[in-house]
Amino acid sequence: MTVTQSSPSSVQPTVPLIGFSAKDKPSSDIINTCVHCGLCLSSCPTYRETGLEMASPRGRIYLMKAVDEGRISLASEVFQEQMSLCLNCRACEAVCPSGVQYGAILEASRAQIEQARAGKAGPPATPGAPEPKLPPRPLWQRALRGAVFGLLFKRMELFRLFSTTMRLYQRSGIQWLARKSGLLKLLGLADTEAMLPPISSHYSVPKGQIFPAEGERRYSVALLTGCIMSTAFAHVHEATIRVLRKNGCEVILPPDQGCCGALHTHGGDLDGGRELARRNIAAFEGLGVDAIIVNAAGCGSTLKEYGHLLHDDPAWRERAERFSAKVKDVHEFLAGIDFNRSALGRLNLTVTYQEPCHLVHAQRISAQPRVLLTAIPGLTLKEMPESSLCCGSAGIYNVTQPEMAMSLGARKIDNALTTGAEIIATANPGCALQLAGELRRRGKDVQVRYIIELLDESYRVFAASA
């Protein structure tokens, strides 16, 4: 079936970012945009937790500038520590009066460190100085990064096989035994393993499926299925498809798509992120859809920045920009159309909303999720304090920086519980896992659910009563 565009696209291109240099070093232009005013300090989670200047965006930019000018080397322990300790939540960008593109220079700094560890850092900042080179990671770390970044998230058949293995681990009794025996604590994996989500018995495997709109077709959209969303959160994809169909959308699941590359770009593997970006661009090209829909905040932020990621690739730059201009977060899309309110059923629930960082800060989407929640009859939305402060998930941050992640997760749950809400609504898998893990540790009977799930439930309640 050839899909034609049913209406003019309402998707607007994002503001173009200043590109990386060919060596993936932070842009001096972006670094020098910072005027060191300090307005970012109060919005930075790590600064609020530590009170240390170097653990703030301003402090980290000072370190980046020092490396850029050759005043300190990449081998600086403080520099490496702070590039790792940052959550890349982008809260500083949202409040910066100078428009510093902090996420771009942080990711480039991490890439610069990884390339130096691999002996590929390029020429030194100061002419005549020795080429920057760092000791390689330990063998086990290189093997783990190679398996995760190089194989698992690049080959979806392997990711689904891994997910099935985890499901067998959960359902066979091995998980119970591992927890009861104390083996996980002995190996130092208890907290990490506790965040493993229940793996679904079925996955969202994109094969070119087309789900027709209910009633008149008003839009044609394509859905990113991604990696963890397609296995552990396949039920969220199903809810998303049902909600979109209720709103006159024909939904397409293009084959050959895969992971968005967020973990790669955040983890310093920009080449790996570019490889996945090219794959997704090719998979979604030529569909003639009105929008590319994403229901995970971190994925949506990454997809919207493909134009930046491939800025220096002449063969892909324009294709990436066209792709990114089509990307819409599902809440952004629904709140921007003539949203179907007439078929919403009553849900007598008290809900508080936890704002994912890459939705509110990176994509600047804050009002739209609340518009959708408050449209549900019977639902009471109670705002939590610090709703936009990072929960500590940040991709794999709760694995690499468990102490800070746990502190931020506890702070988030403390704030959520003050509302008395029975449900914490969110819009990102990492946030959902982080929040659910902290609630389990406290033995609290509070659910964590996606906004799109609540909308889907409301539509189904109405349909059942009709």
Protein backbone atom coordinates (compact mmCIF):
# COMPACT_ATOMS: atom_id res chain seq x y z
CA MET A 1 0.00 0.00 0.00
CA THR A 2 1.27 3.46 -0.88
CA VAL A 3 0.41 5.99 1.79
CA THR A 4 -0.38 9.52 0.63
CA GLN A 5 -0.34 12.57 2.82
CA SER A 6 -3.89 13.22 3.95
CA SER A 7 -3.36 16.75 5.21
CA PRO A 8 -0.57 19.30 5.38
CA SER A 9 1.96 18.43 8.04
CA SER A 10 1.79 20.55 11.15
CA VAL A 11 5.28 19.48 12.16
CA GLN A 12 7.72 22.37 12.28
CA PRO A 13 11.49 21.95 12.00
CA THR A 14 13.44 22.21 15.23
CA VAL A 15 15.98 24.99 15.68
CA PRO A 16 19.20 23.83 13.96
CA LEU A 17 22.11 23.13 16.25
CA ILE A 18 25.69 24.15 15.69
CA GLY A 19 27.41 21.06 14.30
CA PHE A 20 30.22 19.01 15.76
CA SER A 21 33.62 19.32 14.23
CA ALA A 22 34.86 16.32 12.29
CA LYS A 23 36.78 15.22 15.40
CA ASP A 24 33.72 15.21 17.66
CA LYS A 25 35.19 17.75 20.04
CA PRO A 26 32.91 20.29 21.72
CA SER A 27 32.26 23.36 19.62
CA SER A 28 34.27 26.35 20.85
CA ASP A 29 31.47 28.58 19.60
CA ILE A 30 28.96 26.89 21.89
CA ILE A 31 31.36 26.87 24.85
CA ASN A 32 31.97 30.60 24.45
CA THR A 33 28.23 31.31 24.30
CA CYS A 34 28.12 30.76 28.07
CA VAL A 35 28.41 34.08 29.94
CA HIS A 36 28.74 32.34 33.36
CA CYS A 37 25.67 34.11 34.75
CA GLY A 38 24.78 31.18 37.00
CA LEU A 39 21.04 31.13 36.21
CA CYS A 40 21.41 27.43 35.43
CA LEU A 41 22.59 26.48 38.92
CA SER A 42 19.23 26.15 40.63
CA SER A 43 17.87 23.97 37.82
CA CYS A 44 20.79 21.50 37.87
CA PRO A 45 20.01 18.29 39.83
CA THR A 46 23.65 17.45 40.63
CA TYR A 47 24.39 20.99 41.80
CA ARG A 48 21.30 20.94 44.03
CA GLU A 49 22.41 17.64 45.53
CA THR A 50 26.10 18.54 46.04
CA GLY A 51 26.28 22.35 46.15
CA LEU A 52 29.56 22.12 44.23
CA GLU A 53 30.31 24.62 41.48
CA MET A 54 32.11 22.01 39.38
CA ALA A 55 28.98 19.85 39.50
CA SER A 56 26.97 22.58 37.78
CA PRO A 57 26.57 23.36 34.06
CA ARG A 58 28.65 26.51 34.48
CA GLY A 59 31.41 24.57 36.22
CA ARG A 60 31.42 21.83 33.61
CA ILE A 61 31.55 24.35 30.77
CA TYR A 62 34.55 25.94 32.49
CA LEU A 63 36.22 22.51 32.47
CA MET A 64 35.34 21.99 28.79
CA LYS A 65 36.81 25.40 27.96
CA ALA A 66 39.99 24.57 29.86
CA VAL A 67 40.38 21.35 27.84
CA ASP A 68 39.55 23.17 24.60
CA GLU A 69 42.26 25.76 25.29
CA GLY A 70 44.80 23.16 26.40
CA ARG A 71 44.96 24.39 30.02
CA ILE A 72 43.99 20.96 31.34
CA SER A 73 44.14 17.61 29.58
CA LEU A 74 41.53 14.97 28.88
CA ALA A 75 43.30 12.90 31.53
CA SER A 76 42.02 15.26 34.24
CA GLU A 77 40.13 13.14 36.77
CA VAL A 78 37.88 16.06 37.64
CA PHE A 79 36.99 16.59 33.98
CA GLN A 80 36.21 12.92 33.40
CA GLU A 81 34.28 12.63 36.66
CA GLN A 82 32.08 15.65 35.91
CA MET A 83 31.36 14.60 32.32
CA SER A 84 30.14 11.30 33.75
CA LEU A 85 28.27 12.74 36.75
CA CYS A 86 26.14 15.03 34.57
CA LEU A 87 22.69 13.58 33.86
CA ASN A 88 22.39 15.39 30.51
CA CYS A 89 18.86 16.28 31.62
CA ARG A 90 19.07 19.57 29.68
CA ALA A 91 17.35 21.55 32.47
CA CYS A 92 20.08 24.16 32.14
CA GLU A 93 19.22 24.69 28.47
CA ALA A 94 15.62 25.47 29.30
CA VAL A 95 16.58 28.39 31.56
CA CYS A 96 19.73 29.65 29.82
CA PRO A 97 19.31 33.27 28.60
CA SER A 98 22.23 32.83 26.18
CA GLY A 99 20.82 29.71 24.55
CA VAL A 100 23.84 27.51 25.29
CA GLN A 101 23.39 24.14 23.57
CA TYR A 102 24.74 22.26 26.54
CA GLY A 103 23.63 18.78 25.50
CA ALA A 104 25.65 19.04 22.28
CA ILE A 105 28.92 19.94 24.00
CA LEU A 106 28.43 17.38 26.79
CA GLU A 107 27.88 14.56 24.31
CA ALA A 108 30.89 15.73 22.28
CA SER A 109 33.03 15.85 25.44
CA ARG A 110 32.07 12.28 26.28
CA ALA A 111 32.85 11.24 22.71
CA GLN A 112 36.19 13.04 22.95
CA ILE A 113 37.06 11.02 26.07
CA GLU A 114 36.02 7.71 24.50
CA GLN A 115 37.95 8.47 21.31
CA ALA A 116 41.05 9.30 23.36
CA ARG A 117 40.69 5.98 25.15
CA ALA A 118 40.64 4.30 21.75
CA GLY A 119 43.56 6.37 20.49
CA LYS A 120 41.36 8.30 18.03
CA ALA A 121 41.09 11.72 19.63
CA GLY A 122 42.57 13.65 16.72
CA PRO A 123 45.09 16.51 16.98
CA PRO A 124 45.70 18.27 20.31
CA ALA A 125 44.03 21.53 21.28
CA THR A 126 47.41 23.28 21.46
CA PRO A 127 49.59 23.00 18.33
CA GLY A 128 52.75 21.06 19.01
CA ALA A 129 51.40 19.35 22.12
CA PRO A 130 51.31 15.54 22.21
CA GLU A 131 48.22 13.89 20.74
CA PRO A 132 45.66 13.32 23.50
CA LYS A 133 45.53 9.68 24.51
CA LEU A 134 44.03 8.00 27.54
CA PRO A 135 44.48 4.50 28.95
CA PRO A 136 41.85 2.19 27.44
CA ARG A 137 38.93 1.01 29.50
CA PRO A 138 39.42 -2.32 31.32
CA LEU A 139 38.85 -5.32 29.08
CA TRP A 140 35.55 -6.23 30.72
CA GLN A 141 34.18 -2.71 30.17
CA ARG A 142 35.22 -2.74 26.52
CA ALA A 143 33.60 -6.14 26.08
CA LEU A 144 30.40 -4.99 27.79
CA ARG A 145 30.18 -1.76 25.77
CA GLY A 146 30.86 -3.70 22.60
CA ALA A 147 28.13 -6.21 23.39
CA VAL A 148 25.56 -3.59 24.43
CA PHE A 149 26.31 -0.70 22.04
CA GLY A 150 27.79 -2.72 19.19
CA LEU A 151 25.41 -5.67 19.07
CA LEU A 152 22.38 -5.63 21.37
CA PHE A 153 20.99 -2.20 20.47
CA LYS A 154 21.99 -2.39 16.82
CA ARG A 155 20.40 -5.74 16.00
CA MET A 156 16.80 -5.93 17.09
CA GLU A 157 16.62 -9.70 16.64
CA LEU A 158 19.35 -9.99 19.30
CA PHE A 159 17.56 -7.48 21.51
CA ARG A 160 14.35 -9.50 21.30
CA LEU A 161 16.31 -12.71 22.05
CA PHE A 162 17.84 -11.03 25.09
CA SER A 163 14.38 -9.85 26.19
CA THR A 164 13.04 -13.38 25.87
CA THR A 165 15.93 -14.66 27.99
CA MET A 166 15.08 -12.08 30.65
CA ARG A 167 11.43 -13.14 30.51
CA LEU A 168 12.42 -16.76 31.11
CA TYR A 169 14.62 -15.61 33.99
CA GLN A 170 11.62 -13.83 35.52
CA ARG A 171 9.05 -16.57 34.92
CA SER A 172 11.12 -19.71 35.60
CA GLY A 173 11.86 -19.09 39.26
CA ILE A 174 15.51 -18.25 38.68
CA GLN A 175 14.87 -14.61 39.55
CA TRP A 176 13.23 -15.61 42.84
CA LEU A 177 16.14 -17.90 43.65
CA ALA A 178 18.76 -15.28 42.74
CA ARG A 179 17.09 -12.73 44.98
CA LYS A 180 16.47 -15.03 47.93
CA SER A 181 19.94 -16.58 47.86
CA GLY A 182 21.71 -13.25 48.17
CA LEU A 183 23.70 -13.94 44.99
CA LEU A 184 22.70 -10.61 43.44
CA LYS A 185 23.87 -8.70 46.50
CA LEU A 186 27.14 -10.64 46.51
CA LEU A 187 27.73 -9.63 42.89
CA GLY A 188 26.69 -6.03 43.54
CA LEU A 189 23.78 -6.33 41.10
CA ALA A 190 20.79 -6.22 43.45
CA ASP A 191 19.79 -2.59 42.80
CA THR A 192 20.36 -2.87 39.04
CA GLU A 193 18.42 -6.12 38.77
CA ALA A 194 15.55 -4.68 40.80
CA MET A 195 14.88 -2.19 37.97
CA LEU A 196 14.36 -4.95 35.40
CA PRO A 197 10.80 -4.46 34.11
CA PRO A 198 8.37 -7.35 33.66
CA ILE A 199 8.99 -8.46 30.08
CA SER A 200 5.86 -8.77 27.95
CA SER A 201 4.85 -12.14 26.49
CA HIS A 202 4.58 -10.50 23.06
CA TYR A 203 6.56 -7.81 21.31
CA SER A 204 5.80 -4.96 18.93
CA VAL A 205 7.73 -6.11 15.88
CA PRO A 206 7.46 -3.63 12.97
CA LYS A 207 6.73 -5.46 9.73
CA GLY A 208 5.00 -2.77 7.73
CA GLN A 209 1.66 -3.21 9.53
CA ILE A 210 -1.01 -0.60 8.80
CA PHE A 211 -3.71 0.01 11.40
CA PRO A 212 -6.66 1.88 9.90
CA ALA A 213 -8.22 4.92 11.55
CA GLU A 214 -11.52 4.52 13.36
CA GLY A 215 -14.04 6.48 11.35
CA GLU A 216 -12.79 9.07 8.90
CA ARG A 217 -9.04 9.05 8.31
CA ARG A 218 -7.72 12.52 9.11
CA TYR A 219 -4.01 11.76 9.42
CA SER A 220 -1.48 9.17 8.43
CA VAL A 221 1.31 8.64 10.97
CA ALA A 222 4.22 6.26 11.47
CA LEU A 223 5.18 4.95 14.92
CA LEU A 224 8.73 4.41 16.20
CA THR A 225 8.78 1.06 18.00
CA GLY A 226 12.38 1.36 19.24
CA CYS A 227 14.08 -1.19 21.49
CA ILE A 228 12.92 -1.47 25.12
CA MET A 229 9.58 0.09 24.23
CA SER A 230 8.94 -2.73 21.76
CA THR A 231 9.57 -5.50 24.33
CA ALA A 232 9.15 -4.51 27.98
CA PHE A 233 6.65 -1.77 27.10
CA ALA A 234 4.88 -3.33 24.12
CA HIS A 235 1.57 -2.71 25.91
CA VAL A 236 2.27 1.03 25.73
CA HIS A 237 2.68 0.79 21.95
CA GLU A 238 -0.64 -1.05 21.74
CA ALA A 239 -2.33 1.66 23.80
CA THR A 240 -0.71 4.33 21.62
CA ILE A 241 -2.00 2.75 18.43
CA ARG A 242 -5.53 2.49 19.82
CA VAL A 243 -5.54 6.13 20.97
CA LEU A 244 -4.21 7.36 17.63
CA ARG A 245 -6.84 5.35 15.74
CA LYS A 246 -9.54 6.87 17.97
CA ASN A 247 -8.29 10.24 16.78
CA GLY A 248 -8.63 9.53 13.08
CA CYS A 249 -5.08 8.33 12.50
CA GLU A 250 -3.94 5.58 10.21
CA VAL A 251 -0.89 4.11 11.98
CA ILE A 252 2.04 2.51 10.14
CA LEU A 253 4.85 0.44 11.65
CA PRO A 254 7.66 0.68 9.06
CA PRO A 255 9.97 -2.35 8.86
CA ASP A 256 13.77 -2.10 9.23
CA GLN A 257 13.56 0.55 11.96
CA GLY A 258 15.35 0.06 15.27
CA CYS A 259 16.82 1.70 18.35
CA CYS A 260 16.89 5.50 18.21
CA GLY A 261 20.54 5.71 19.29
CA ALA A 262 19.96 7.75 22.46
CA LEU A 263 22.13 5.53 24.64
CA HIS A 264 24.95 5.69 22.11
CA THR A 265 24.94 9.47 21.76
CA HIS A 266 24.63 10.02 25.52
CA GLY A 267 27.36 7.47 26.20
CA GLY A 268 30.02 8.96 23.92
CA ASP A 269 29.51 6.60 20.97
CA LEU A 270 28.44 9.20 18.42
CA ASP A 271 29.41 7.03 15.46
CA GLY A 272 27.12 4.30 16.78
CA GLY A 273 24.34 6.86 17.17
CA ARG A 274 24.87 8.03 13.58
CA GLU A 275 24.66 4.49 12.28
CA LEU A 276 21.29 3.97 13.97
CA ALA A 277 20.08 7.39 12.83
CA ARG A 278 20.79 6.54 9.19
CA ARG A 279 18.94 3.27 9.57
CA ASN A 280 15.83 4.93 10.97
CA ILE A 281 15.87 7.75 8.42
CA ALA A 282 15.97 5.20 5.60
CA ALA A 283 13.18 3.14 7.21
CA PHE A 284 10.78 6.10 7.48
CA GLU A 285 11.57 7.85 4.21
CA GLY A 286 9.03 7.89 1.41
CA LEU A 287 5.99 7.07 3.54
CA GLY A 288 4.28 10.40 2.93
CA VAL A 289 3.03 10.52 6.52
CA ASP A 290 1.94 13.61 8.40
CA ALA A 291 4.10 12.80 11.42
CA ILE A 292 6.50 10.29 12.91
CA ILE A 293 5.08 9.56 16.35
CA VAL A 294 7.23 8.79 19.39
CA ASN A 295 5.86 7.82 22.82
CA ALA A 296 9.17 7.79 24.73
CA ALA A 297 10.63 11.17 25.69
CA GLY A 298 14.28 10.21 25.34
CA CYS A 299 13.73 8.67 21.91
CA GLY A 300 11.76 11.69 20.70
CA SER A 301 14.48 14.09 21.78
CA THR A 302 17.13 12.06 19.96
CA LEU A 303 15.10 11.73 16.76
CA LYS A 304 14.46 15.47 16.69
CA GLU A 305 18.22 16.03 16.78
CA TYR A 306 19.22 13.69 13.95
CA GLY A 307 19.85 16.78 11.83
CA HIS A 308 22.44 17.87 14.37
CA LEU A 309 23.95 14.40 14.73
CA LEU A 310 24.50 14.12 10.96
CA HIS A 311 25.32 17.78 10.40
CA ASP A 312 28.75 17.01 8.95
CA ASP A 313 27.58 14.19 6.69
CA PRO A 314 26.77 15.76 3.29
CA ALA A 315 25.03 12.61 2.07
CA TRP A 316 22.63 12.47 5.02
CA ARG A 317 22.36 16.00 6.46
CA GLU A 318 19.29 17.13 4.48
CA ARG A 319 17.63 13.73 4.80
CA ALA A 320 18.14 13.89 8.57
CA GLU A 321 16.69 17.40 8.77
CA ARG A 322 13.60 16.35 6.80
CA PHE A 323 13.18 13.35 9.07
CA SER A 324 13.53 15.37 12.29
CA ALA A 325 11.02 17.93 11.03
CA LYS A 326 8.40 15.17 10.93
CA VAL A 327 8.98 13.85 14.47
CA LYS A 328 6.24 14.51 17.01
CA ASP A 329 5.93 13.37 20.58
CA VAL A 330 2.54 11.65 20.90
CA HIS A 331 1.29 14.18 23.49
CA GLU A 332 2.47 17.08 21.35
CA PHE A 333 0.66 15.61 18.35
CA LEU A 334 -2.63 14.84 20.10
CA ALA A 335 -2.81 18.20 21.85
CA GLY A 336 -2.15 19.93 18.52
CA ILE A 337 -5.06 18.39 16.61
CA ASP A 338 -8.81 18.38 17.13
CA PHE A 339 -8.43 15.88 19.96
CA ASN A 340 -11.31 13.41 20.39
CA ARG A 341 -12.75 14.28 23.80
CA SER A 342 -16.28 13.04 23.14
CA ALA A 343 -15.34 9.34 23.44
CA LEU A 344 -13.48 9.63 26.76
CA GLY A 345 -14.98 7.67 29.67
CA ARG A 346 -14.82 8.50 33.34
CA LEU A 347 -11.78 7.50 35.42
CA ASN A 348 -12.11 8.36 39.09
CA LEU A 349 -8.39 8.63 39.75
CA THR A 350 -6.02 11.00 41.50
CA VAL A 351 -2.89 11.40 39.40
CA THR A 352 0.34 13.36 39.66
CA TYR A 353 2.61 13.95 36.68
CA GLN A 354 6.37 13.39 36.64
CA GLU A 355 7.89 15.32 33.74
CA PRO A 356 10.59 13.39 31.85
CA CYS A 357 13.62 15.62 31.33
CA HIS A 358 13.89 14.98 27.61
CA LEU A 359 10.25 15.93 27.17
CA VAL A 360 10.09 19.11 29.25
CA HIS A 361 13.66 20.40 28.85
CA ALA A 362 14.97 19.01 25.56
CA GLN A 363 11.67 19.15 23.63
CA ARG A 364 10.05 21.93 25.71
CA ILE A 365 6.80 19.97 25.98
CA SER A 366 5.12 20.63 29.31
CA ALA A 367 1.54 21.88 28.89
CA GLN A 368 0.41 19.23 26.38
CA PRO A 369 0.59 16.20 28.72
CA ARG A 370 -1.43 18.12 31.29
CA VAL A 371 -4.02 19.09 28.67
CA LEU A 372 -4.54 15.42 27.87
CA LEU A 373 -4.69 14.29 31.49
CA THR A 374 -7.21 16.94 32.51
CA ALA A 375 -9.38 16.05 29.49
CA ILE A 376 -10.20 12.68 31.09
CA PRO A 377 -13.52 12.91 32.98
CA GLY A 378 -13.21 12.17 36.69
CA LEU A 379 -9.41 12.37 36.76
CA THR A 380 -7.91 14.77 39.31
CA LEU A 381 -4.42 16.04 38.52
CA LYS A 382 -2.39 17.06 41.56
CA GLU A 383 0.90 18.78 40.83
CA MET A 384 3.95 17.52 42.69
CA PRO A 385 6.80 19.81 43.81
CA GLU A 386 9.81 19.82 41.49
CA SER A 387 7.94 17.87 38.81
CA SER A 388 10.58 18.71 36.20
CA LEU A 389 13.64 17.87 38.34
CA CYS A 390 15.39 14.74 37.03
CA CYS A 391 14.38 11.45 38.67
CA GLY A 392 17.91 10.06 38.28
CA SER A 393 17.26 7.55 35.51
CA ALA A 394 18.90 9.33 32.54
CA GLY A 395 19.40 6.29 30.31
CA ILE A 396 21.88 4.03 32.12
CA TYR A 397 22.83 6.67 34.70
CA ASN A 398 21.30 4.62 37.51
CA VAL A 399 23.82 1.90 36.59
CA THR A 400 26.89 4.12 36.12
CA GLN A 401 26.13 6.59 38.95
CA PRO A 402 23.92 4.58 41.35
CA GLU A 403 24.45 6.77 44.43
CA MET A 404 23.37 10.02 42.76
CA ALA A 405 20.58 8.23 40.88
CA MET A 406 19.18 6.75 44.08
CA SER A 407 19.29 10.11 45.85
CA LEU A 408 17.42 11.81 43.01
CA GLY A 409 14.93 8.94 42.74
CA ALA A 410 14.16 9.19 46.45
CA ARG A 411 13.70 12.95 46.15
CA LYS A 412 11.28 12.48 43.27
CA ILE A 413 9.19 9.90 45.12
CA ASP A 414 9.15 12.05 48.26
CA ASN A 415 7.67 14.85 46.17
CA ALA A 416 5.17 12.56 44.44
CA LEU A 417 3.91 11.07 47.70
CA THR A 418 3.13 14.50 49.14
CA THR A 419 0.28 14.77 46.61
CA GLY A 420 -1.52 11.68 47.87
CA ALA A 421 -1.97 10.53 44.27
CA GLU A 422 -2.60 6.86 43.58
CA ILE A 423 -0.92 7.03 40.17
CA ILE A 424 2.29 8.70 38.99
CA ALA A 425 1.95 9.43 35.27
CA THR A 426 5.03 9.68 33.09
CA ALA A 427 6.10 9.39 29.45
CA ASN A 428 9.50 7.69 29.35
CA PRO A 429 10.60 4.10 30.04
CA GLY A 430 13.68 5.01 32.09
CA CYS A 431 11.60 7.26 34.35
CA ALA A 432 8.95 4.56 34.71
CA LEU A 433 11.54 2.00 35.83
CA GLN A 434 13.27 4.41 38.20
CA LEU A 435 10.03 5.48 39.87
CA ALA A 436 8.65 1.95 40.14
CA GLY A 437 11.92 0.72 41.64
CA GLU A 438 11.92 3.35 44.38
CA LEU A 439 8.24 2.68 45.15
CA ARG A 440 8.97 -1.05 45.50
CA ARG A 441 11.86 -0.34 47.86
CA ARG A 442 9.45 1.59 50.08
CA GLY A 443 6.61 -0.90 49.77
CA LYS A 444 4.24 1.79 48.48
CA ASP A 445 1.06 0.79 46.66
CA VAL A 446 1.29 3.54 44.04
CA GLN A 447 1.17 2.76 40.32
CA VAL A 448 3.41 4.24 37.62
CA ARG A 449 1.59 4.53 34.30
CA TYR A 450 2.02 6.21 30.96
CA ILE A 451 -0.30 9.08 30.10
CA ILE A 452 -1.20 7.31 26.87
CA GLU A 453 -2.31 4.25 28.89
CA LEU A 454 -4.71 6.38 30.90
CA LEU A 455 -6.15 7.88 27.72
CA ASP A 456 -6.57 4.41 26.25
CA GLU A 457 -8.32 3.19 29.39
CA SER A 458 -10.65 6.18 29.30
CA TYR A 459 -11.60 5.48 25.66
CA ARG A 460 -12.22 1.80 26.48
CA VAL A 461 -14.40 2.67 29.48
CA PHE A 462 -16.56 4.87 27.27
CA ALA A 463 -16.78 2.18 24.56
CA ALA A 464 -17.83 -0.43 27.13
CA SER A 465 -20.60 1.81 28.46
CA ALA A 466 -21.95 2.82 25.06
